[in-house]
Amino acid sequence: MQLSSSEPCVVILTEKEVEVSVNNHATFTLPKNYLAAFACNNNVIELSTLNHVLITHINRNIINDYLLFLNKNLTCVKP
């Protein structure tokens, strides 16, 4: 099954092993309970199954917010 998105990135969580091919290159296997991020721009992402995959589409605003969060000094924050 082919995965496409209008957003720049997708994040998938597998519930079972899933074979993946990007741009018709050699396939690789994502193990069960694996979290992976894929860039969608100009990429054809093929998954062996979508029945056991949870997918979220990530827009640029979320990516920018996450990068700003990573850039903060968190050493003074107490858990």
PDB file of N, CA and C in Angstrom:
ATOM      1  N   MET A   1       0.830  -1.159   0.000  1.00  0.00           N
ATOM      2  CA  MET A   1       0.000   0.000   0.000  1.00  0.00           C
ATOM      3  C   MET A   1       0.885   1.236   0.000  1.00  0.00           C
ATOM      4  N   GLN A   2       0.507   2.191  -0.796  1.00  0.00           N
ATOM      5  CA  GLN A   2       1.307   3.403  -0.929  1.00  0.00           C
ATOM      6  C   GLN A   2       0.813   4.465   0.048  1.00  0.00           C
ATOM      7  N   LEU A   3       1.756   5.113   0.709  1.00  0.00           N
ATOM      8  CA  LEU A   3       1.450   6.160   1.671  1.00  0.00           C
ATOM      9  C   LEU A   3       1.780   7.501   1.041  1.00  0.00           C
ATOM     10  N   SER A   4       0.836   8.414   1.074  1.00  0.00           N
ATOM     11  CA  SER A   4       1.100   9.762   0.583  1.00  0.00           C
ATOM     12  C   SER A   4       0.494  10.754   1.564  1.00  0.00           C
ATOM     13  N   SER A   5       1.031  11.970   1.554  1.00  0.00           N
ATOM     14  CA  SER A   5       0.552  12.989   2.476  1.00  0.00           C
ATOM     15  C   SER A   5       0.789  14.359   1.875  1.00  0.00           C
ATOM     16  N   SER A   6      -0.087  15.295   2.199  1.00  0.00           N
ATOM     17  CA  SER A   6       0.126  16.678   1.781  1.00  0.00           C
ATOM     18  C   SER A   6       1.039  17.403   2.770  1.00  0.00           C
ATOM     19  N   GLU A   7       1.321  16.763   3.891  1.00  0.00           N
ATOM     20  CA  GLU A   7       2.220  17.330   4.898  1.00  0.00           C
ATOM     21  C   GLU A   7       3.656  16.896   4.602  1.00  0.00           C
ATOM     22  N   PRO A   8       4.649  17.624   5.133  1.00  0.00           N
ATOM     23  CA  PRO A   8       6.042  17.301   4.817  1.00  0.00           C
ATOM     24  C   PRO A   8       6.577  16.038   5.478  1.00  0.00           C
ATOM     25  N   CYS A   9       5.873  15.525   6.490  1.00  0.00           N
ATOM     26  CA  CYS A   9       6.409  14.398   7.248  1.00  0.00           C
ATOM     27  C   CYS A   9       5.271  13.520   7.762  1.00  0.00           C
ATOM     28  N   VAL A  10       5.532  12.226   7.844  1.00  0.00           N
ATOM     29  CA  VAL A  10       4.605  11.313   8.515  1.00  0.00           C
ATOM     30  C   VAL A  10       5.391  10.527   9.556  1.00  0.00           C
ATOM     31  N   VAL A  11       4.735  10.236  10.649  1.00  0.00           N
ATOM     32  CA  VAL A  11       5.312   9.401  11.696  1.00  0.00           C
ATOM     33  C   VAL A  11       4.419   8.182  11.808  1.00  0.00           C
ATOM     34  N   ILE A  12       5.039   7.004  11.784  1.00  0.00           N
ATOM     35  CA  ILE A  12       4.253   5.778  11.883  1.00  0.00           C
ATOM     36  C   ILE A  12       4.711   4.957  13.081  1.00  0.00           C
ATOM     37  N   LEU A  13       3.758   4.291  13.683  1.00  0.00           N
ATOM     38  CA  LEU A  13       4.010   3.357  14.771  1.00  0.00           C
ATOM     39  C   LEU A  13       3.476   2.010  14.323  1.00  0.00           C
ATOM     40  N   THR A  14       4.338   1.006  14.330  1.00  0.00           N
ATOM     41  CA  THR A  14       3.928  -0.317  13.860  1.00  0.00           C
ATOM     42  C   THR A  14       3.433  -1.163  15.026  1.00  0.00           C
ATOM     43  N   GLU A  15       2.393  -1.920  14.767  1.00  0.00           N
ATOM     44  CA  GLU A  15       1.900  -2.881  15.757  1.00  0.00           C
ATOM     45  C   GLU A  15       2.430  -4.278  15.463  1.00  0.00           C
ATOM     46  N   LYS A  16       2.819  -4.511  14.220  1.00  0.00           N
ATOM     47  CA  LYS A  16       3.447  -5.758  13.782  1.00  0.00           C
ATOM     48  C   LYS A  16       4.586  -5.385  12.843  1.00  0.00           C
ATOM     49  N   GLU A  17       5.400  -6.359  12.446  1.00  0.00           N
ATOM     50  CA  GLU A  17       6.469  -6.088  11.484  1.00  0.00           C
ATOM     51  C   GLU A  17       5.866  -5.594  10.173  1.00  0.00           C
ATOM     52  N   VAL A  18       6.491  -4.556   9.604  1.00  0.00           N
ATOM     53  CA  VAL A  18       6.009  -3.967   8.358  1.00  0.00           C
ATOM     54  C   VAL A  18       7.202  -3.774   7.432  1.00  0.00           C
ATOM     55  N   GLU A  19       7.076  -4.225   6.192  1.00  0.00           N
ATOM     56  CA  GLU A  19       8.117  -3.997   5.198  1.00  0.00           C
ATOM     57  C   GLU A  19       7.875  -2.647   4.536  1.00  0.00           C
ATOM     58  N   VAL A  20       8.971  -1.902   4.343  1.00  0.00           N
ATOM     59  CA  VAL A  20       8.891  -0.550   3.795  1.00  0.00           C
ATOM     60  C   VAL A  20       9.843  -0.428   2.620  1.00  0.00           C
ATOM     61  N   SER A  21       9.396   0.281   1.602  1.00  0.00           N
ATOM     62  CA  SER A  21      10.242   0.634   0.471  1.00  0.00           C
ATOM     63  C   SER A  21      10.033   2.117   0.190  1.00  0.00           C
ATOM     64  N   VAL A  22      11.132   2.853   0.036  1.00  0.00           N
ATOM     65  CA  VAL A  22      11.056   4.276  -0.265  1.00  0.00           C
ATOM     66  C   VAL A  22      11.646   4.494  -1.649  1.00  0.00           C
ATOM     67  N   ASN A  23      10.860   5.086  -2.535  1.00  0.00           N
ATOM     68  CA  ASN A  23      11.278   5.380  -3.913  1.00  0.00           C
ATOM     69  C   ASN A  23      11.755   4.136  -4.654  1.00  0.00           C
ATOM     70  N   ASN A  24      11.071   3.024  -4.426  1.00  0.00           N
ATOM     71  CA  ASN A  24      11.347   1.753  -5.107  1.00  0.00           C
ATOM     72  C   ASN A  24      12.755   1.212  -4.856  1.00  0.00           C
ATOM     73  N   HIS A  25      13.380   1.613  -3.754  1.00  0.00           N
ATOM     74  CA  HIS A  25      14.672   1.040  -3.367  1.00  0.00           C
ATOM     75  C   HIS A  25      14.419  -0.259  -2.607  1.00  0.00           C
ATOM     76  N   ALA A  26      15.461  -0.919  -2.217  1.00  0.00           N
ATOM     77  CA  ALA A  26      15.343  -2.194  -1.498  1.00  0.00           C
ATOM     78  C   ALA A  26      14.473  -2.025  -0.253  1.00  0.00           C
ATOM     79  N   THR A  27      13.691  -3.045   0.022  1.00  0.00           N
ATOM     80  CA  THR A  27      12.805  -2.976   1.187  1.00  0.00           C
ATOM     81  C   THR A  27      13.580  -3.236   2.472  1.00  0.00           C
ATOM     82  N   PHE A  28      13.055  -2.698   3.535  1.00  0.00           N
ATOM     83  CA  PHE A  28      13.590  -2.964   4.866  1.00  0.00           C
ATOM     84  C   PHE A  28      12.402  -3.195   5.791  1.00  0.00           C
ATOM     85  N   THR A  29      12.660  -3.810   6.918  1.00  0.00           N
ATOM     86  CA  THR A  29      11.585  -4.179   7.834  1.00  0.00           C
ATOM     87  C   THR A  29      11.624  -3.321   9.087  1.00  0.00           C
ATOM     88  N   LEU A  30      10.468  -2.750   9.409  1.00  0.00           N
ATOM     89  CA  LEU A  30      10.314  -2.067  10.686  1.00  0.00           C
ATOM     90  C   LEU A  30       9.758  -3.088  11.670  1.00  0.00           C
ATOM     91  N   PRO A  31      10.401  -3.253  12.813  1.00  0.00           N
ATOM     92  CA  PRO A  31       9.930  -4.256  13.773  1.00  0.00           C
ATOM     93  C   PRO A  31       8.620  -3.835  14.446  1.00  0.00           C
ATOM     94  N   LYS A  32       8.049  -4.760  15.149  1.00  0.00           N
ATOM     95  CA  LYS A  32       6.828  -4.524  15.920  1.00  0.00           C
ATOM     96  C   LYS A  32       7.076  -3.426  16.957  1.00  0.00           C
ATOM     97  N   ASN A  33       6.087  -2.562  17.161  1.00  0.00           N
ATOM     98  CA  ASN A  33       6.147  -1.460  18.134  1.00  0.00           C
ATOM     99  C   ASN A  33       7.303  -0.505  17.862  1.00  0.00           C
ATOM    100  N   TYR A  34       7.479  -0.136  16.610  1.00  0.00           N
ATOM    101  CA  TYR A  34       8.582   0.727  16.190  1.00  0.00           C
ATOM    102  C   TYR A  34       8.021   2.073  15.755  1.00  0.00           C
ATOM    103  N   LEU A  35       8.702   3.154  16.109  1.00  0.00           N
ATOM    104  CA  LEU A  35       8.308   4.501  15.732  1.00  0.00           C
ATOM    105  C   LEU A  35       9.293   5.014  14.697  1.00  0.00           C
ATOM    106  N   ALA A  36       8.786   5.459  13.551  1.00  0.00           N
ATOM    107  CA  ALA A  36       9.662   5.938  12.479  1.00  0.00           C
ATOM    108  C   ALA A  36       9.061   7.184  11.844  1.00  0.00           C
ATOM    109  N   ALA A  37       9.926   8.105  11.418  1.00  0.00           N
ATOM    110  CA  ALA A  37       9.495   9.322  10.725  1.00  0.00           C
ATOM    111  C   ALA A  37      10.005   9.272   9.294  1.00  0.00           C
ATOM    112  N   PHE A  38       9.165   9.688   8.366  1.00  0.00           N
ATOM    113  CA  PHE A  38       9.522   9.699   6.948  1.00  0.00           C
ATOM    114  C   PHE A  38       9.196  11.055   6.346  1.00  0.00           C
ATOM    115  N   ALA A  39      10.116  11.572   5.523  1.00  0.00           N
ATOM    116  CA  ALA A  39       9.842  12.782   4.754  1.00  0.00           C
ATOM    117  C   ALA A  39       8.964  12.411   3.574  1.00  0.00           C
ATOM    118  N   CYS A  40       7.932  13.197   3.336  1.00  0.00           N
ATOM    119  CA  CYS A  40       6.978  12.864   2.271  1.00  0.00           C
ATOM    120  C   CYS A  40       7.256  13.601   0.969  1.00  0.00           C
ATOM    121  N   ASN A  41       7.958  14.723   1.028  1.00  0.00           N
ATOM    122  CA  ASN A  41       8.186  15.516  -0.175  1.00  0.00           C
ATOM    123  C   ASN A  41       8.949  14.723  -1.222  1.00  0.00           C
ATOM    124  N   ASN A  42       8.319  14.508  -2.368  1.00  0.00           N
ATOM    125  CA  ASN A  42       8.921  13.811  -3.506  1.00  0.00           C
ATOM    126  C   ASN A  42       9.352  12.384  -3.185  1.00  0.00           C
ATOM    127  N   ASN A  43       8.762  11.761  -2.191  1.00  0.00           N
ATOM    128  CA  ASN A  43       9.081  10.378  -1.850  1.00  0.00           C
ATOM    129  C   ASN A  43       7.848   9.501  -2.009  1.00  0.00           C
ATOM    130  N   VAL A  44       8.061   8.322  -2.574  1.00  0.00           N
ATOM    131  CA  VAL A  44       7.008   7.321  -2.674  1.00  0.00           C
ATOM    132  C   VAL A  44       7.291   6.289  -1.589  1.00  0.00           C
ATOM    133  N   ILE A  45       6.393   6.185  -0.622  1.00  0.00           N
ATOM    134  CA  ILE A  45       6.579   5.290   0.517  1.00  0.00           C
ATOM    135  C   ILE A  45       5.585   4.145   0.388  1.00  0.00           C
ATOM    136  N   GLU A  46       6.117   2.932   0.265  1.00  0.00           N
ATOM    137  CA  GLU A  46       5.278   1.735   0.136  1.00  0.00           C
ATOM    138  C   GLU A  46       5.384   0.930   1.427  1.00  0.00           C
ATOM    139  N   LEU A  47       4.232   0.550   1.973  1.00  0.00           N
ATOM    140  CA  LEU A  47       4.175  -0.264   3.184  1.00  0.00           C
ATOM    141  C   LEU A  47       3.513  -1.590   2.855  1.00  0.00           C
ATOM    142  N   SER A  48       4.005  -2.668   3.452  1.00  0.00           N
ATOM    143  CA  SER A  48       3.426  -3.984   3.171  1.00  0.00           C
ATOM    144  C   SER A  48       1.996  -4.082   3.681  1.00  0.00           C
ATOM    145  N   THR A  49       1.681  -3.350   4.734  1.00  0.00           N
ATOM    146  CA  THR A  49       0.318  -3.341   5.265  1.00  0.00           C
ATOM    147  C   THR A  49       0.070  -2.039   6.003  1.00  0.00           C
ATOM    148  N   LEU A  50      -1.149  -1.579   5.955  1.00  0.00           N
ATOM    149  CA  LEU A  50      -1.536  -0.421   6.758  1.00  0.00           C
ATOM    150  C   LEU A  50      -2.454  -0.827   7.903  1.00  0.00           C
ATOM    151  N   ASN A  51      -2.848  -2.093   7.925  1.00  0.00           N
ATOM    152  CA  ASN A  51      -3.761  -2.563   8.967  1.00  0.00           C
ATOM    153  C   ASN A  51      -3.137  -2.503  10.350  1.00  0.00           C
ATOM    154  N   HIS A  52      -1.840  -2.673  10.433  1.00  0.00           N
ATOM    155  CA  HIS A  52      -1.172  -2.730  11.728  1.00  0.00           C
ATOM    156  C   HIS A  52      -0.189  -1.573  11.895  1.00  0.00           C
ATOM    157  N   VAL A  53      -0.550  -0.425  11.302  1.00  0.00           N
ATOM    158  CA  VAL A  53       0.306   0.750  11.376  1.00  0.00           C
ATOM    159  C   VAL A  53      -0.547   1.945  11.802  1.00  0.00           C
ATOM    160  N   LEU A  54      -0.056   2.704  12.763  1.00  0.00           N
ATOM    161  CA  LEU A  54      -0.704   3.947  13.173  1.00  0.00           C
ATOM    162  C   LEU A  54       0.084   5.095  12.556  1.00  0.00           C
ATOM    163  N   ILE A  55      -0.607   6.007  11.885  1.00  0.00           N
ATOM    164  CA  ILE A  55       0.054   7.054  11.113  1.00  0.00           C
ATOM    165  C   ILE A  55      -0.436   8.421  11.564  1.00  0.00           C
ATOM    166  N   THR A  56       0.493   9.366  11.711  1.00  0.00           N
ATOM    167  CA  THR A  56       0.128  10.759  11.933  1.00  0.00           C
ATOM    168  C   THR A  56       0.876  11.618  10.927  1.00  0.00           C
ATOM    169  N   HIS A  57       0.198  12.630  10.435  1.00  0.00           N
ATOM    170  CA  HIS A  57       0.767  13.544   9.452  1.00  0.00           C
ATOM    171  C   HIS A  57       1.218  14.801  10.196  1.00  0.00           C
ATOM    172  N   ILE A  58       2.480  15.180  10.009  1.00  0.00           N
ATOM    173  CA  ILE A  58       3.088  16.274  10.764  1.00  0.00           C
ATOM    174  C   ILE A  58       3.292  17.473   9.841  1.00  0.00           C
ATOM    175  N   ASN A  59       2.733  18.634  10.244  1.00  0.00           N
ATOM    176  CA  ASN A  59       2.894  19.828   9.407  1.00  0.00           C
ATOM    177  C   ASN A  59       4.125  20.631   9.833  1.00  0.00           C
ATOM    178  N   ARG A  60       4.440  21.639   9.056  1.00  0.00           N
ATOM    179  CA  ARG A  60       5.654  22.435   9.300  1.00  0.00           C
ATOM    180  C   ARG A  60       5.609  23.166  10.643  1.00  0.00           C
ATOM    181  N   ASN A  61       4.443  23.635  11.055  1.00  0.00           N
ATOM    182  CA  ASN A  61       4.345  24.340  12.334  1.00  0.00           C
ATOM    183  C   ASN A  61       4.726  23.432  13.498  1.00  0.00           C
ATOM    184  N   ILE A  62       4.290  22.204  13.463  1.00  0.00           N
ATOM    185  CA  ILE A  62       4.636  21.257  14.527  1.00  0.00           C
ATOM    186  C   ILE A  62       6.131  20.961  14.515  1.00  0.00           C
ATOM    187  N   ILE A  63       6.699  20.795  13.329  1.00  0.00           N
ATOM    188  CA  ILE A  63       8.144  20.556  13.219  1.00  0.00           C
ATOM    189  C   ILE A  63       8.914  21.747  13.775  1.00  0.00           C
ATOM    190  N   ASN A  64       8.509  22.971  13.414  1.00  0.00           N
ATOM    191  CA  ASN A  64       9.188  24.170  13.916  1.00  0.00           C
ATOM    192  C   ASN A  64       9.063  24.288  15.432  1.00  0.00           C
ATOM    193  N   ASP A  65       7.876  24.023  15.977  1.00  0.00           N
ATOM    194  CA  ASP A  65       7.701  24.064  17.434  1.00  0.00           C
ATOM    195  C   ASP A  65       8.606  23.048  18.125  1.00  0.00           C
ATOM    196  N   TYR A  66       8.709  21.866  17.558  1.00  0.00           N
ATOM    197  CA  TYR A  66       9.555  20.826  18.137  1.00  0.00           C
ATOM    198  C   TYR A  66      11.028  21.241  18.100  1.00  0.00           C
ATOM    199  N   LEU A  67      11.461  21.813  16.989  1.00  0.00           N
ATOM    200  CA  LEU A  67      12.853  22.256  16.887  1.00  0.00           C
ATOM    201  C   LEU A  67      13.141  23.394  17.862  1.00  0.00           C
ATOM    202  N   LEU A  68      12.192  24.302  18.054  1.00  0.00           N
ATOM    203  CA  LEU A  68      12.371  25.361  19.050  1.00  0.00           C
ATOM    204  C   LEU A  68      12.457  24.775  20.456  1.00  0.00           C
ATOM    205  N   PHE A  69      11.650  23.774  20.730  1.00  0.00           N
ATOM    206  CA  PHE A  69      11.699  23.099  22.027  1.00  0.00           C
ATOM    207  C   PHE A  69      13.065  22.461  22.254  1.00  0.00           C
ATOM    208  N   LEU A  70      13.602  21.803  21.235  1.00  0.00           N
ATOM    209  CA  LEU A  70      14.909  21.161  21.369  1.00  0.00           C
ATOM    210  C   LEU A  70      16.020  22.173  21.598  1.00  0.00           C
ATOM    211  N   ASN A  71      15.826  23.385  21.126  1.00  0.00           N
ATOM    212  CA  ASN A  71      16.842  24.423  21.225  1.00  0.00           C
ATOM    213  C   ASN A  71      16.853  25.089  22.606  1.00  0.00           C
ATOM    214  N   LYS A  72      15.867  24.833  23.446  1.00  0.00           N
ATOM    215  CA  LYS A  72      15.795  25.466  24.763  1.00  0.00           C
ATOM    216  C   LYS A  72      16.770  24.809  25.737  1.00  0.00           C
ATOM    217  N   ASN A  73      17.211  25.604  26.683  1.00  0.00           N
ATOM    218  CA  ASN A  73      18.066  25.100  27.751  1.00  0.00           C
ATOM    219  C   ASN A  73      17.163  24.498  28.824  1.00  0.00           C
ATOM    220  N   LEU A  74      17.153  23.195  28.917  1.00  0.00           N
ATOM    221  CA  LEU A  74      16.277  22.510  29.858  1.00  0.00           C
ATOM    222  C   LEU A  74      16.997  22.075  31.131  1.00  0.00           C
ATOM    223  N   THR A  75      18.245  22.513  31.307  1.00  0.00           N
ATOM    224  CA  THR A  75      19.008  22.079  32.479  1.00  0.00           C
ATOM    225  C   THR A  75      18.453  22.660  33.773  1.00  0.00           C
ATOM    226  N   CYS A  76      17.758  23.792  33.705  1.00  0.00           N
ATOM    227  CA  CYS A  76      17.227  24.409  34.925  1.00  0.00           C
ATOM    228  C   CYS A  76      15.827  23.901  35.271  1.00  0.00           C
ATOM    229  N   VAL A  77      15.242  23.070  34.439  1.00  0.00           N
ATOM    230  CA  VAL A  77      13.902  22.539  34.693  1.00  0.00           C
ATOM    231  C   VAL A  77      14.015  21.326  35.601  1.00  0.00           C
ATOM    232  N   LYS A  78      13.238  21.347  36.679  1.00  0.00           N
ATOM    233  CA  LYS A  78      13.253  20.220  37.614  1.00  0.00           C
ATOM    234  C   LYS A  78      12.176  19.223  37.206  1.00  0.00           C
ATOM    235  N   PRO A  79      12.503  17.919  37.235  1.00  0.00           N
ATOM    236  CA  PRO A  79      11.506  16.908  36.850  1.00  0.00           C
ATOM    237  C   PRO A  79      10.357  16.802  37.831  1.00  0.00           C
TER     238      PRO A  79
END
